[in-house]
Amino acid sequence: AAVAIGPTTQQDMPCLRSLSKSCLLRQQGDLESFASQLGSRRATSVGAVIIQGNVTDLRPLQQSGRWAVEKLVIENTQLTSLDGLGVIVSLGSDKDGVSLNIS
């Protein structure tokens, strides 16, 4: 199940701690906090990231470095651009560890 997060501490970011955990980003501040924590931890892989609600700009993700995500769900009609998602280098993996690599 996804855990809603807000602009809080690293320990509140379940998808940064475990690939089996999800982060639910509902506000622009949630996304900015996620990007900041991702960059400061120099994480290279995260669990599921679900973006919905009032997120309007994905560009803060550009500051987080390049990373892989197990699952990415965007349920948001307020976005006018996907700029910022270019930092994702791979998406998902099957039972054999094969993922979609993005270059």
PDB file of N, CA and C in Angstrom:
ATOM      1  N   ALA A   1       0.831  -1.185   0.000  1.00  0.00           N
ATOM      2  CA  ALA A   1       0.000   0.000   0.000  1.00  0.00           C
ATOM      3  C   ALA A   1       0.870   1.241   0.000  1.00  0.00           C
ATOM      4  N   ALA A   2       0.417   2.276  -0.647  1.00  0.00           N
ATOM      5  CA  ALA A   2       1.162   3.521  -0.709  1.00  0.00           C
ATOM      6  C   ALA A   2       1.063   4.252   0.619  1.00  0.00           C
ATOM      7  N   VAL A   3       2.122   4.920   0.969  1.00  0.00           N
ATOM      8  CA  VAL A   3       2.150   5.714   2.174  1.00  0.00           C
ATOM      9  C   VAL A   3       2.215   7.174   1.759  1.00  0.00           C
ATOM     10  N   ALA A   4       1.240   7.961   2.171  1.00  0.00           N
ATOM     11  CA  ALA A   4       1.246   9.383   1.846  1.00  0.00           C
ATOM     12  C   ALA A   4       2.380  10.051   2.606  1.00  0.00           C
ATOM     13  N   ILE A   5       3.109  10.911   1.917  1.00  0.00           N
ATOM     14  CA  ILE A   5       4.205  11.607   2.565  1.00  0.00           C
ATOM     15  C   ILE A   5       4.032  13.101   2.375  1.00  0.00           C
ATOM     16  N   GLY A   6       4.727  13.842   3.136  1.00  0.00           N
ATOM     17  CA  GLY A   6       4.743  15.287   3.001  1.00  0.00           C
ATOM     18  C   GLY A   6       6.167  15.765   3.127  1.00  0.00           C
ATOM     19  N   PRO A   7       6.387  17.056   3.127  1.00  0.00           N
ATOM     20  CA  PRO A   7       7.737  17.577   3.278  1.00  0.00           C
ATOM     21  C   PRO A   7       8.258  17.254   4.679  1.00  0.00           C
ATOM     22  N   THR A   8       8.835  16.093   4.837  1.00  0.00           N
ATOM     23  CA  THR A   8       9.250  15.624   6.156  1.00  0.00           C
ATOM     24  C   THR A   8      10.671  15.076   6.090  1.00  0.00           C
ATOM     25  N   THR A   9      11.026  14.232   7.002  1.00  0.00           N
ATOM     26  CA  THR A   9      12.382  13.711   7.086  1.00  0.00           C
ATOM     27  C   THR A   9      12.568  12.490   6.197  1.00  0.00           C
ATOM     28  N   GLN A  10      13.841  12.107   6.006  1.00  0.00           N
ATOM     29  CA  GLN A  10      14.148  10.956   5.167  1.00  0.00           C
ATOM     30  C   GLN A  10      13.480   9.685   5.662  1.00  0.00           C
ATOM     31  N   GLN A  11      13.384   9.518   6.965  1.00  0.00           N
ATOM     32  CA  GLN A  11      12.801   8.293   7.480  1.00  0.00           C
ATOM     33  C   GLN A  11      11.338   8.123   7.079  1.00  0.00           C
ATOM     34  N   ASP A  12      10.699   9.197   6.642  1.00  0.00           N
ATOM     35  CA  ASP A  12       9.314   9.109   6.217  1.00  0.00           C
ATOM     36  C   ASP A  12       9.155   8.734   4.750  1.00  0.00           C
ATOM     37  N   MET A  13      10.255   8.488   4.056  1.00  0.00           N
ATOM     38  CA  MET A  13      10.224   8.160   2.638  1.00  0.00           C
ATOM     39  C   MET A  13      10.364   6.649   2.441  1.00  0.00           C
ATOM     40  N   PRO A  14       9.267   5.923   2.520  1.00  0.00           N
ATOM     41  CA  PRO A  14       9.355   4.464   2.469  1.00  0.00           C
ATOM     42  C   PRO A  14       9.932   3.939   1.161  1.00  0.00           C
ATOM     43  N   CYS A  15       9.658   4.575   0.035  1.00  0.00           N
ATOM     44  CA  CYS A  15      10.151   4.053  -1.240  1.00  0.00           C
ATOM     45  C   CYS A  15      11.649   4.244  -1.391  1.00  0.00           C
ATOM     46  N   LEU A  16      12.263   5.082  -0.559  1.00  0.00           N
ATOM     47  CA  LEU A  16      13.717   5.229  -0.582  1.00  0.00           C
ATOM     48  C   LEU A  16      14.388   4.163   0.270  1.00  0.00           C
ATOM     49  N   ARG A  17      13.649   3.565   1.182  1.00  0.00           N
ATOM     50  CA  ARG A  17      14.211   2.555   2.072  1.00  0.00           C
ATOM     51  C   ARG A  17      14.073   1.148   1.531  1.00  0.00           C
ATOM     52  N   SER A  18      13.035   0.906   0.734  1.00  0.00           N
ATOM     53  CA  SER A  18      12.768  -0.454   0.279  1.00  0.00           C
ATOM     54  C   SER A  18      12.089  -0.428  -1.086  1.00  0.00           C
ATOM     55  N   LEU A  19      12.552  -1.295  -1.981  1.00  0.00           N
ATOM     56  CA  LEU A  19      11.957  -1.370  -3.310  1.00  0.00           C
ATOM     57  C   LEU A  19      10.535  -1.906  -3.272  1.00  0.00           C
ATOM     58  N   SER A  20      10.133  -2.491  -2.156  1.00  0.00           N
ATOM     59  CA  SER A  20       8.769  -3.017  -2.052  1.00  0.00           C
ATOM     60  C   SER A  20       7.795  -1.980  -1.483  1.00  0.00           C
ATOM     61  N   LYS A  21       8.278  -0.797  -1.162  1.00  0.00           N
ATOM     62  CA  LYS A  21       7.440   0.253  -0.575  1.00  0.00           C
ATOM     63  C   LYS A  21       7.070   1.299  -1.622  1.00  0.00           C
ATOM     64  N   SER A  22       6.009   2.039  -1.341  1.00  0.00           N
ATOM     65  CA  SER A  22       5.520   3.077  -2.254  1.00  0.00           C
ATOM     66  C   SER A  22       5.531   4.438  -1.583  1.00  0.00           C
ATOM     67  N   CYS A  23       5.744   5.467  -2.392  1.00  0.00           N
ATOM     68  CA  CYS A  23       5.600   6.855  -1.935  1.00  0.00           C
ATOM     69  C   CYS A  23       4.484   7.486  -2.744  1.00  0.00           C
ATOM     70  N   LEU A  24       3.556   8.090  -2.057  1.00  0.00           N
ATOM     71  CA  LEU A  24       2.440   8.774  -2.690  1.00  0.00           C
ATOM     72  C   LEU A  24       2.695  10.272  -2.586  1.00  0.00           C
ATOM     73  N   LEU A  25       2.866  10.926  -3.728  1.00  0.00           N
ATOM     74  CA  LEU A  25       3.170  12.352  -3.776  1.00  0.00           C
ATOM     75  C   LEU A  25       1.919  13.080  -4.247  1.00  0.00           C
ATOM     76  N   ARG A  26       1.268  13.800  -3.344  1.00  0.00           N
ATOM     77  CA  ARG A  26      -0.020  14.434  -3.658  1.00  0.00           C
ATOM     78  C   ARG A  26       0.074  15.944  -3.853  1.00  0.00           C
ATOM     79  N   GLN A  27       1.089  16.565  -3.314  1.00  0.00           N
ATOM     80  CA  GLN A  27       1.246  18.016  -3.385  1.00  0.00           C
ATOM     81  C   GLN A  27       2.601  18.335  -4.015  1.00  0.00           C
ATOM     82  N   GLN A  28       2.746  19.535  -4.547  1.00  0.00           N
ATOM     83  CA  GLN A  28       4.019  19.941  -5.128  1.00  0.00           C
ATOM     84  C   GLN A  28       5.136  19.853  -4.088  1.00  0.00           C
ATOM     85  N   GLY A  29       4.844  20.218  -2.852  1.00  0.00           N
ATOM     86  CA  GLY A  29       5.841  20.132  -1.782  1.00  0.00           C
ATOM     87  C   GLY A  29       6.292  18.703  -1.518  1.00  0.00           C
ATOM     88  N   ASP A  30       5.382  17.741  -1.673  1.00  0.00           N
ATOM     89  CA  ASP A  30       5.746  16.331  -1.510  1.00  0.00           C
ATOM     90  C   ASP A  30       6.788  15.931  -2.550  1.00  0.00           C
ATOM     91  N   LEU A  31       6.556  16.334  -3.808  1.00  0.00           N
ATOM     92  CA  LEU A  31       7.480  15.997  -4.883  1.00  0.00           C
ATOM     93  C   LEU A  31       8.832  16.667  -4.661  1.00  0.00           C
ATOM     94  N   GLU A  32       8.816  17.916  -4.234  1.00  0.00           N
ATOM     95  CA  GLU A  32      10.060  18.633  -3.997  1.00  0.00           C
ATOM     96  C   GLU A  32      10.850  18.007  -2.853  1.00  0.00           C
ATOM     97  N   SER A  33      10.164  17.596  -1.800  1.00  0.00           N
ATOM     98  CA  SER A  33      10.811  16.918  -0.683  1.00  0.00           C
ATOM     99  C   SER A  33      11.400  15.583  -1.125  1.00  0.00           C
ATOM    100  N   PHE A  34      10.632  14.829  -1.907  1.00  0.00           N
ATOM    101  CA  PHE A  34      11.098  13.552  -2.438  1.00  0.00           C
ATOM    102  C   PHE A  34      12.366  13.753  -3.262  1.00  0.00           C
ATOM    103  N   ALA A  35      12.353  14.733  -4.164  1.00  0.00           N
ATOM    104  CA  ALA A  35      13.513  14.995  -5.026  1.00  0.00           C
ATOM    105  C   ALA A  35      14.728  15.389  -4.193  1.00  0.00           C
ATOM    106  N   SER A  36      14.521  16.207  -3.193  1.00  0.00           N
ATOM    107  CA  SER A  36      15.615  16.644  -2.331  1.00  0.00           C
ATOM    108  C   SER A  36      16.218  15.474  -1.565  1.00  0.00           C
ATOM    109  N   GLN A  37      15.360  14.653  -0.986  1.00  0.00           N
ATOM    110  CA  GLN A  37      15.842  13.505  -0.222  1.00  0.00           C
ATOM    111  C   GLN A  37      16.521  12.487  -1.125  1.00  0.00           C
ATOM    112  N   LEU A  38      15.971  12.292  -2.307  1.00  0.00           N
ATOM    113  CA  LEU A  38      16.571  11.364  -3.258  1.00  0.00           C
ATOM    114  C   LEU A  38      17.974  11.822  -3.617  1.00  0.00           C
ATOM    115  N   GLY A  39      18.127  13.115  -3.889  1.00  0.00           N
ATOM    116  CA  GLY A  39      19.434  13.657  -4.223  1.00  0.00           C
ATOM    117  C   GLY A  39      20.409  13.597  -3.069  1.00  0.00           C
ATOM    118  N   SER A  40      19.956  13.923  -1.857  1.00  0.00           N
ATOM    119  CA  SER A  40      20.858  13.942  -0.709  1.00  0.00           C
ATOM    120  C   SER A  40      21.305  12.536  -0.311  1.00  0.00           C
ATOM    121  N   ARG A  41      20.477  11.556  -0.571  1.00  0.00           N
ATOM    122  CA  ARG A  41      20.844  10.167  -0.258  1.00  0.00           C
ATOM    123  C   ARG A  41      21.634   9.521  -1.377  1.00  0.00           C
ATOM    124  N   ARG A  42      21.667  10.202  -2.525  1.00  0.00           N
ATOM    125  CA  ARG A  42      22.323   9.661  -3.722  1.00  0.00           C
ATOM    126  C   ARG A  42      21.774   8.276  -4.049  1.00  0.00           C
ATOM    127  N   ALA A  43      20.477   8.144  -3.888  1.00  0.00           N
ATOM    128  CA  ALA A  43      19.806   6.880  -4.168  1.00  0.00           C
ATOM    129  C   ALA A  43      19.885   6.582  -5.665  1.00  0.00           C
ATOM    130  N   THR A  44      20.019   5.318  -5.993  1.00  0.00           N
ATOM    131  CA  THR A  44      20.032   4.917  -7.395  1.00  0.00           C
ATOM    132  C   THR A  44      18.813   4.104  -7.753  1.00  0.00           C
ATOM    133  N   SER A  45      18.085   3.606  -6.751  1.00  0.00           N
ATOM    134  CA  SER A  45      16.873   2.817  -6.984  1.00  0.00           C
ATOM    135  C   SER A  45      15.841   3.163  -5.925  1.00  0.00           C
ATOM    136  N   VAL A  46      14.587   3.221  -6.346  1.00  0.00           N
ATOM    137  CA  VAL A  46      13.493   3.475  -5.413  1.00  0.00           C
ATOM    138  C   VAL A  46      12.359   2.506  -5.710  1.00  0.00           C
ATOM    139  N   GLY A  47      11.468   2.362  -4.764  1.00  0.00           N
ATOM    140  CA  GLY A  47      10.292   1.518  -4.960  1.00  0.00           C
ATOM    141  C   GLY A  47       9.278   2.221  -5.845  1.00  0.00           C
ATOM    142  N   ALA A  48       8.017   2.039  -5.579  1.00  0.00           N
ATOM    143  CA  ALA A  48       6.960   2.645  -6.389  1.00  0.00           C
ATOM    144  C   ALA A  48       6.789   4.120  -6.033  1.00  0.00           C
ATOM    145  N   VAL A  49       6.603   4.932  -7.058  1.00  0.00           N
ATOM    146  CA  VAL A  49       6.338   6.357  -6.883  1.00  0.00           C
ATOM    147  C   VAL A  49       5.003   6.649  -7.561  1.00  0.00           C
ATOM    148  N   ILE A  50       4.062   7.174  -6.789  1.00  0.00           N
ATOM    149  CA  ILE A  50       2.732   7.492  -7.297  1.00  0.00           C
ATOM    150  C   ILE A  50       2.549   8.999  -7.195  1.00  0.00           C
ATOM    151  N   ILE A  51       2.331   9.633  -8.339  1.00  0.00           N
ATOM    152  CA  ILE A  51       2.175  11.086  -8.396  1.00  0.00           C
ATOM    153  C   ILE A  51       0.726  11.374  -8.753  1.00  0.00           C
ATOM    154  N   GLN A  52       0.045  12.108  -7.882  1.00  0.00           N
ATOM    155  CA  GLN A  52      -1.344  12.453  -8.145  1.00  0.00           C
ATOM    156  C   GLN A  52      -1.686  13.747  -7.421  1.00  0.00           C
ATOM    157  N   GLY A  53      -2.895  14.194  -7.559  1.00  0.00           N
ATOM    158  CA  GLY A  53      -3.337  15.369  -6.823  1.00  0.00           C
ATOM    159  C   GLY A  53      -2.867  16.671  -7.429  1.00  0.00           C
ATOM    160  N   ASN A  54      -2.274  17.523  -6.583  1.00  0.00           N
ATOM    161  CA  ASN A  54      -1.939  18.883  -6.968  1.00  0.00           C
ATOM    162  C   ASN A  54      -0.487  19.078  -7.383  1.00  0.00           C
ATOM    163  N   VAL A  55       0.173  18.043  -7.841  1.00  0.00           N
ATOM    164  CA  VAL A  55       1.531  18.191  -8.361  1.00  0.00           C
ATOM    165  C   VAL A  55       1.428  18.821  -9.746  1.00  0.00           C
ATOM    166  N   THR A  56       2.138  19.918  -9.957  1.00  0.00           N
ATOM    167  CA  THR A  56       2.024  20.646 -11.219  1.00  0.00           C
ATOM    168  C   THR A  56       3.321  20.699 -12.013  1.00  0.00           C
ATOM    169  N   ASP A  57       4.459  20.363 -11.390  1.00  0.00           N
ATOM    170  CA  ASP A  57       5.752  20.528 -12.046  1.00  0.00           C
ATOM    171  C   ASP A  57       6.691  19.411 -11.610  1.00  0.00           C
ATOM    172  N   LEU A  58       7.171  18.621 -12.563  1.00  0.00           N
ATOM    173  CA  LEU A  58       8.084  17.519 -12.265  1.00  0.00           C
ATOM    174  C   LEU A  58       9.551  17.927 -12.360  1.00  0.00           C
ATOM    175  N   ARG A  59       9.825  19.153 -12.770  1.00  0.00           N
ATOM    176  CA  ARG A  59      11.212  19.580 -12.968  1.00  0.00           C
ATOM    177  C   ARG A  59      12.088  19.502 -11.722  1.00  0.00           C
ATOM    178  N   PRO A  60      11.574  19.597 -10.489  1.00  0.00           N
ATOM    179  CA  PRO A  60      12.455  19.425  -9.330  1.00  0.00           C
ATOM    180  C   PRO A  60      13.167  18.061  -9.315  1.00  0.00           C
ATOM    181  N   LEU A  61      12.598  17.077  -9.994  1.00  0.00           N
ATOM    182  CA  LEU A  61      13.247  15.766 -10.058  1.00  0.00           C
ATOM    183  C   LEU A  61      14.599  15.832 -10.766  1.00  0.00           C
ATOM    184  N   GLN A  62      14.793  16.831 -11.614  1.00  0.00           N
ATOM    185  CA  GLN A  62      16.052  16.970 -12.347  1.00  0.00           C
ATOM    186  C   GLN A  62      17.228  17.179 -11.405  1.00  0.00           C
ATOM    187  N   GLN A  63      16.981  17.654 -10.206  1.00  0.00           N
ATOM    188  CA  GLN A  63      18.044  17.906  -9.235  1.00  0.00           C
ATOM    189  C   GLN A  63      18.413  16.659  -8.429  1.00  0.00           C
ATOM    190  N   SER A  64      17.720  15.549  -8.663  1.00  0.00           N
ATOM    191  CA  SER A  64      17.882  14.365  -7.809  1.00  0.00           C
ATOM    192  C   SER A  64      18.922  13.382  -8.316  1.00  0.00           C
ATOM    193  N   GLY A  65      19.506  13.610  -9.472  1.00  0.00           N
ATOM    194  CA  GLY A  65      20.430  12.640 -10.052  1.00  0.00           C
ATOM    195  C   GLY A  65      19.661  11.583 -10.819  1.00  0.00           C
ATOM    196  N   ARG A  66      20.372  10.640 -11.404  1.00  0.00           N
ATOM    197  CA  ARG A  66      19.735   9.600 -12.210  1.00  0.00           C
ATOM    198  C   ARG A  66      19.414   8.404 -11.325  1.00  0.00           C
ATOM    199  N   TRP A  67      18.230   7.792 -11.528  1.00  0.00           N
ATOM    200  CA  TRP A  67      17.787   6.704 -10.668  1.00  0.00           C
ATOM    201  C   TRP A  67      16.834   5.772 -11.397  1.00  0.00           C
ATOM    202  N   ALA A  68      16.649   4.606 -10.818  1.00  0.00           N
ATOM    203  CA  ALA A  68      15.723   3.592 -11.335  1.00  0.00           C
ATOM    204  C   ALA A  68      14.523   3.527 -10.399  1.00  0.00           C
ATOM    205  N   VAL A  69      13.364   3.224 -10.958  1.00  0.00           N
ATOM    206  CA  VAL A  69      12.146   3.128 -10.162  1.00  0.00           C
ATOM    207  C   VAL A  69      11.455   1.805 -10.488  1.00  0.00           C
ATOM    208  N   GLU A  70      10.975   1.133  -9.462  1.00  0.00           N
ATOM    209  CA  GLU A  70      10.279  -0.131  -9.670  1.00  0.00           C
ATOM    210  C   GLU A  70       8.940   0.069 -10.366  1.00  0.00           C
ATOM    211  N   LYS A  71       8.220   1.110  -9.960  1.00  0.00           N
ATOM    212  CA  LYS A  71       6.900   1.375 -10.532  1.00  0.00           C
ATOM    213  C   LYS A  71       6.659   2.873 -10.489  1.00  0.00           C
ATOM    214  N   LEU A  72       6.148   3.412 -11.579  1.00  0.00           N
ATOM    215  CA  LEU A  72       5.831   4.836 -11.642  1.00  0.00           C
ATOM    216  C   LEU A  72       4.395   4.976 -12.113  1.00  0.00           C
ATOM    217  N   VAL A  73       3.580   5.630 -11.302  1.00  0.00           N
ATOM    218  CA  VAL A  73       2.178   5.866 -11.640  1.00  0.00           C
ATOM    219  C   VAL A  73       1.945   7.368 -11.587  1.00  0.00           C
ATOM    220  N   ILE A  74       1.418   7.914 -12.684  1.00  0.00           N
ATOM    221  CA  ILE A  74       1.070   9.335 -12.709  1.00  0.00           C
ATOM    222  C   ILE A  74      -0.416   9.431 -12.981  1.00  0.00           C
ATOM    223  N   GLU A  75      -1.157   9.859 -11.975  1.00  0.00           N
ATOM    224  CA  GLU A  75      -2.607  10.051 -12.072  1.00  0.00           C
ATOM    225  C   GLU A  75      -2.881  11.511 -11.783  1.00  0.00           C
ATOM    226  N   ASN A  76      -2.594  12.338 -12.761  1.00  0.00           N
ATOM    227  CA  ASN A  76      -2.627  13.761 -12.516  1.00  0.00           C
ATOM    228  C   ASN A  76      -2.942  14.488 -13.806  1.00  0.00           C
ATOM    229  N   THR A  77      -3.977  15.281 -13.799  1.00  0.00           N
ATOM    230  CA  THR A  77      -4.330  16.028 -14.999  1.00  0.00           C
ATOM    231  C   THR A  77      -3.840  17.470 -14.934  1.00  0.00           C
ATOM    232  N   GLN A  78      -3.177  17.869 -13.852  1.00  0.00           N
ATOM    233  CA  GLN A  78      -2.672  19.224 -13.726  1.00  0.00           C
ATOM    234  C   GLN A  78      -1.297  19.408 -14.350  1.00  0.00           C
ATOM    235  N   LEU A  79      -0.632  18.319 -14.678  1.00  0.00           N
ATOM    236  CA  LEU A  79       0.679  18.416 -15.307  1.00  0.00           C
ATOM    237  C   LEU A  79       0.526  18.848 -16.755  1.00  0.00           C
ATOM    238  N   THR A  80       1.353  19.782 -17.177  1.00  0.00           N
ATOM    239  CA  THR A  80       1.344  20.201 -18.577  1.00  0.00           C
ATOM    240  C   THR A  80       2.595  19.710 -19.290  1.00  0.00           C
ATOM    241  N   SER A  81       3.516  19.098 -18.541  1.00  0.00           N
ATOM    242  CA  SER A  81       4.772  18.634 -19.110  1.00  0.00           C
ATOM    243  C   SER A  81       5.299  17.462 -18.284  1.00  0.00           C
ATOM    244  N   LEU A  82       6.035  16.599 -18.926  1.00  0.00           N
ATOM    245  CA  LEU A  82       6.709  15.506 -18.224  1.00  0.00           C
ATOM    246  C   LEU A  82       8.189  15.810 -18.020  1.00  0.00           C
ATOM    247  N   ASP A  83       8.589  17.074 -18.261  1.00  0.00           N
ATOM    248  CA  ASP A  83       9.965  17.478 -18.003  1.00  0.00           C
ATOM    249  C   ASP A  83      10.312  17.147 -16.556  1.00  0.00           C
ATOM    250  N   GLY A  84      11.425  16.509 -16.368  1.00  0.00           N
ATOM    251  CA  GLY A  84      11.857  16.090 -15.043  1.00  0.00           C
ATOM    252  C   GLY A  84      11.973  14.589 -14.948  1.00  0.00           C
ATOM    253  N   LEU A  85      11.219  13.878 -15.783  1.00  0.00           N
ATOM    254  CA  LEU A  85      11.277  12.418 -15.743  1.00  0.00           C
ATOM    255  C   LEU A  85      12.506  11.866 -16.456  1.00  0.00           C
ATOM    256  N   GLY A  86      13.278  12.731 -17.101  1.00  0.00           N
ATOM    257  CA  GLY A  86      14.477  12.297 -17.809  1.00  0.00           C
ATOM    258  C   GLY A  86      15.552  11.728 -16.901  1.00  0.00           C
ATOM    259  N   VAL A  87      15.409  11.889 -15.594  1.00  0.00           N
ATOM    260  CA  VAL A  87      16.397  11.355 -14.652  1.00  0.00           C
ATOM    261  C   VAL A  87      16.193   9.865 -14.404  1.00  0.00           C
ATOM    262  N   ILE A  88      15.068   9.334 -14.835  1.00  0.00           N
ATOM    263  CA  ILE A  88      14.790   7.907 -14.637  1.00  0.00           C
ATOM    264  C   ILE A  88      15.533   7.109 -15.702  1.00  0.00           C
ATOM    265  N   VAL A  89      16.380   6.177 -15.259  1.00  0.00           N
ATOM    266  CA  VAL A  89      17.175   5.385 -16.196  1.00  0.00           C
ATOM    267  C   VAL A  89      16.597   4.000 -16.446  1.00  0.00           C
ATOM    268  N   SER A  90      15.769   3.517 -15.537  1.00  0.00           N
ATOM    269  CA  SER A  90      15.092   2.244 -15.785  1.00  0.00           C
ATOM    270  C   SER A  90      13.799   2.199 -14.999  1.00  0.00           C
ATOM    271  N   LEU A  91      12.891   1.372 -15.491  1.00  0.00           N
ATOM    272  CA  LEU A  91      11.555   1.290 -14.920  1.00  0.00           C
ATOM    273  C   LEU A  91      11.166  -0.165 -14.771  1.00  0.00           C
ATOM    274  N   GLY A  92      10.851  -0.552 -13.537  1.00  0.00           N
ATOM    275  CA  GLY A  92      10.330  -1.883 -13.253  1.00  0.00           C
ATOM    276  C   GLY A  92      11.336  -2.998 -13.426  1.00  0.00           C
ATOM    277  N   SER A  93      10.918  -4.176 -13.058  1.00  0.00           N
ATOM    278  CA  SER A  93      11.706  -5.382 -13.314  1.00  0.00           C
ATOM    279  C   SER A  93      10.779  -6.586 -13.187  1.00  0.00           C
ATOM    280  N   ASP A  94      11.077  -7.598 -13.987  1.00  0.00           N
ATOM    281  CA  ASP A  94      10.271  -8.810 -13.904  1.00  0.00           C
ATOM    282  C   ASP A  94      10.935  -9.794 -12.946  1.00  0.00           C
ATOM    283  N   LYS A  95      10.418 -11.003 -12.876  1.00  0.00           N
ATOM    284  CA  LYS A  95      10.925 -11.992 -11.922  1.00  0.00           C
ATOM    285  C   LYS A  95      12.384 -12.344 -12.158  1.00  0.00           C
ATOM    286  N   ASP A  96      12.888 -12.076 -13.369  1.00  0.00           N
ATOM    287  CA  ASP A  96      14.282 -12.365 -13.690  1.00  0.00           C
ATOM    288  C   ASP A  96      15.168 -11.134 -13.557  1.00  0.00           C
ATOM    289  N   GLY A  97      14.599 -10.021 -13.084  1.00  0.00           N
ATOM    290  CA  GLY A  97      15.359  -8.813 -12.906  1.00  0.00           C
ATOM    291  C   GLY A  97      15.524  -7.968 -14.160  1.00  0.00           C
ATOM    292  N   VAL A  98      14.764  -8.284 -15.211  1.00  0.00           N
ATOM    293  CA  VAL A  98      14.838  -7.545 -16.453  1.00  0.00           C
ATOM    294  C   VAL A  98      13.946  -6.307 -16.352  1.00  0.00           C
ATOM    295  N   SER A  99      14.486  -5.143 -16.719  1.00  0.00           N
ATOM    296  CA  SER A  99      13.713  -3.910 -16.628  1.00  0.00           C
ATOM    297  C   SER A  99      13.773  -3.157 -17.941  1.00  0.00           C
ATOM    298  N   LEU A 100      12.933  -2.151 -18.064  1.00  0.00           N
ATOM    299  CA  LEU A 100      12.945  -1.270 -19.225  1.00  0.00           C
ATOM    300  C   LEU A 100      14.022  -0.224 -18.980  1.00  0.00           C
ATOM    301  N   ASN A 101      15.077  -0.264 -19.783  1.00  0.00           N
ATOM    302  CA  ASN A 101      16.158   0.720 -19.638  1.00  0.00           C
ATOM    303  C   ASN A 101      15.871   1.900 -20.557  1.00  0.00           C
ATOM    304  N   ILE A 102      16.086   3.097 -20.023  1.00  0.00           N
ATOM    305  CA  ILE A 102      15.785   4.324 -20.740  1.00  0.00           C
ATOM    306  C   ILE A 102      17.083   5.078 -20.944  1.00  0.00           C
ATOM    307  N   SER A 103      17.361   5.439 -22.173  1.00  0.00           N
ATOM    308  CA  SER A 103      18.595   6.201 -22.408  1.00  0.00           C
ATOM    309  C   SER A 103      18.311   7.432 -23.231  1.00  0.00           C
TER     310      SER A 103
END
